[in-house]
C-alpha atoms as a PDB file:
ATOM      1  CA  UNK A   1      15.511  13.292 -15.109  1.00  0.00           C
ATOM      2  CA  UNK A   2      16.260  17.059 -14.457  1.00  0.00           C
ATOM      3  CA  UNK A   3      18.563  18.771 -12.031  1.00  0.00           C
ATOM      4  CA  UNK A   4      19.210  15.686 -10.038  1.00  0.00           C
ATOM      5  CA  UNK A   5      15.638  14.614  -9.547  1.00  0.00           C
ATOM      6  CA  UNK A   6      14.025  11.493 -11.310  1.00  0.00           C
ATOM      7  CA  UNK A   7      10.233  11.903 -11.908  1.00  0.00           C
ATOM      8  CA  UNK A   8       8.225   8.835 -12.712  1.00  0.00           C
ATOM      9  CA  UNK A   9       4.769   9.498 -13.884  1.00  0.00           C
ATOM     10  CA  UNK A  10       1.830   7.085 -14.727  1.00  0.00           C
ATOM     11  CA  UNK A  11      -1.880   6.621 -15.143  1.00  0.00           C
ATOM     12  CA  UNK A  12      -4.045   3.753 -13.879  1.00  0.00           C
ATOM     13  CA  UNK A  13      -7.422   2.845 -15.031  1.00  0.00           C
ATOM     14  CA  UNK A  14      -9.675  -0.170 -14.003  1.00  0.00           C
ATOM     15  CA  UNK A  15     -13.155  -1.312 -14.774  1.00  0.00           C
ATOM     16  CA  UNK A  16     -15.545  -3.778 -13.139  1.00  0.00           C
ATOM     17  CA  UNK A  17     -18.613  -5.114 -14.641  1.00  0.00           C
ATOM     18  CA  UNK A  18     -21.448  -6.807 -12.838  1.00  0.00           C
ATOM     19  CA  UNK A  19     -24.440  -8.325 -14.577  1.00  0.00           C
ATOM     20  CA  UNK A  20     -27.342 -10.064 -12.604  1.00  0.00           C
ATOM     21  CA  UNK A  21     -30.751 -10.611 -13.469  1.00  0.00           C
ATOM     22  CA  UNK A  22     -32.551  -7.250 -13.923  1.00  0.00           C
ATOM     23  CA  UNK A  23     -29.559  -4.855 -13.737  1.00  0.00           C
ATOM     24  CA  UNK A  24     -25.966  -4.397 -15.049  1.00  0.00           C
ATOM     25  CA  UNK A  25     -23.434  -2.375 -13.052  1.00  0.00           C
ATOM     26  CA  UNK A  26     -20.090  -0.865 -14.408  1.00  0.00           C
ATOM     27  CA  UNK A  27     -17.726   0.803 -12.078  1.00  0.00           C
ATOM     28  CA  UNK A  28     -14.676   2.701 -13.496  1.00  0.00           C
ATOM     29  CA  UNK A  29     -11.779   4.304 -11.610  1.00  0.00           C
ATOM     30  CA  UNK A  30      -8.840   6.135 -13.060  1.00  0.00           C
ATOM     31  CA  UNK A  31      -6.186   8.639 -11.762  1.00  0.00           C
ATOM     32  CA  UNK A  32      -2.803   9.558 -12.578  1.00  0.00           C
ATOM     33  CA  UNK A  33       0.219   9.858 -10.189  1.00  0.00           C
ATOM     34  CA  UNK A  34       3.956  10.856 -10.001  1.00  0.00           C
ATOM     35  CA  UNK A  35       6.785  10.180  -7.812  1.00  0.00           C
ATOM     36  CA  UNK A  36      10.100  12.069  -7.396  1.00  0.00           C
ATOM     37  CA  UNK A  37      13.411  10.793  -6.230  1.00  0.00           C
ATOM     38  CA  UNK A  38      16.517  12.874  -5.487  1.00  0.00           C
ATOM     39  CA  UNK A  39      19.430  11.079  -7.094  1.00  0.00           C
ATOM     40  CA  UNK A  40      23.027  11.319  -5.634  1.00  0.00           C
ATOM     41  CA  UNK A  41      25.796  13.144  -7.514  1.00  0.00           C
ATOM     42  CA  UNK A  42      27.361   9.874  -8.428  1.00  0.00           C
ATOM     43  CA  UNK A  43      24.279   8.804 -10.536  1.00  0.00           C
ATOM     44  CA  UNK A  44      24.715   8.818 -14.271  1.00  0.00           C
ATOM     45  CA  UNK A  45      21.614  10.560 -15.473  1.00  0.00           C
ATOM     46  CA  UNK A  46      22.502   9.961 -19.356  1.00  0.00           C
ATOM     47  CA  UNK A  47      22.520   6.213 -18.749  1.00  0.00           C
ATOM     48  CA  UNK A  48      19.177   5.634 -16.882  1.00  0.00           C
ATOM     49  CA  UNK A  49      17.256   2.687 -18.360  1.00  0.00           C
ATOM     50  CA  UNK A  50      13.656   1.550 -17.630  1.00  0.00           C
ATOM     51  CA  UNK A  51      11.482  -1.320 -18.508  1.00  0.00           C
ATOM     52  CA  UNK A  52       8.191  -2.562 -17.638  1.00  0.00           C
ATOM     53  CA  UNK A  53       7.167  -6.391 -17.563  1.00  0.00           C
ATOM     54  CA  UNK A  54       4.218  -7.960 -16.092  1.00  0.00           C
ATOM     55  CA  UNK A  55       3.062  -4.792 -14.381  1.00  0.00           C
ATOM     56  CA  UNK A  56       6.351  -4.228 -12.667  1.00  0.00           C
ATOM     57  CA  UNK A  57       8.433  -1.270 -13.555  1.00  0.00           C
ATOM     58  CA  UNK A  58      12.322  -1.764 -13.247  1.00  0.00           C
ATOM     59  CA  UNK A  59      14.482   1.446 -13.254  1.00  0.00           C
ATOM     60  CA  UNK A  60      18.248   0.981 -13.702  1.00  0.00           C
ATOM     61  CA  UNK A  61      20.492   4.021 -12.502  1.00  0.00           C
ATOM     62  CA  UNK A  62      24.202   3.199 -13.037  1.00  0.00           C
ATOM     63  CA  UNK A  63      26.792   5.268 -11.188  1.00  0.00           C
ATOM     64  CA  UNK A  64      29.350   7.388 -12.946  1.00  0.00           C
ATOM     65  CA  UNK A  65      32.936   6.225 -13.305  1.00  0.00           C
ATOM     66  CA  UNK A  66      35.003   7.813 -10.593  1.00  0.00           C
ATOM     67  CA  UNK A  67      36.787  11.063 -11.788  1.00  0.00           C
ATOM     68  CA  UNK A  68      40.393  10.398 -11.802  1.00  0.00           C
ATOM     69  CA  UNK A  69      42.783  13.178 -10.770  1.00  0.00           C
ATOM     70  CA  UNK A  70      44.692  14.798 -13.428  1.00  0.00           C
ATOM     71  CA  UNK A  71      48.470  14.678 -13.065  1.00  0.00           C
ATOM     72  CA  UNK A  72      50.352  17.773 -14.135  1.00  0.00           C
ATOM     73  CA  UNK A  73      54.262  17.623 -14.581  1.00  0.00           C
ATOM     74  CA  UNK A  74      56.165  20.728 -13.286  1.00  0.00           C
ATOM     75  CA  UNK A  75      59.382  21.591 -14.906  1.00  0.00           C
ATOM     76  CA  UNK A  76      61.696  23.982 -13.274  1.00  0.00           C
ATOM     77  CA  UNK A  77      63.455  26.704 -15.439  1.00  0.00           C
ATOM     78  CA  UNK A  78      66.597  28.275 -13.952  1.00  0.00           C
END
C-alpha cells in the first residue's frame, strides 16, 4: 500500500495436454495482472492482512481507531 492506494499483483499460468494416437498437443497460457484500490482515510494501512486459501485471496483492511479530541485546560491569570 502506498499513498492510500492498495495494489494487488499476481501471475497466472496454465497448461493443457492432449495425447491422442499419432500426436501430442500442449497448450500453455500465462500472464500477469494487477489491480489498484483507492482506500478511504479511515483505513489502517499498517494493519492490512492477506491470505490465500484454495485459490481465494482474502484481504482484511481494518479501520483506524477514531481520533479523540484533545482537551486543553485553560487557566486564567489575573
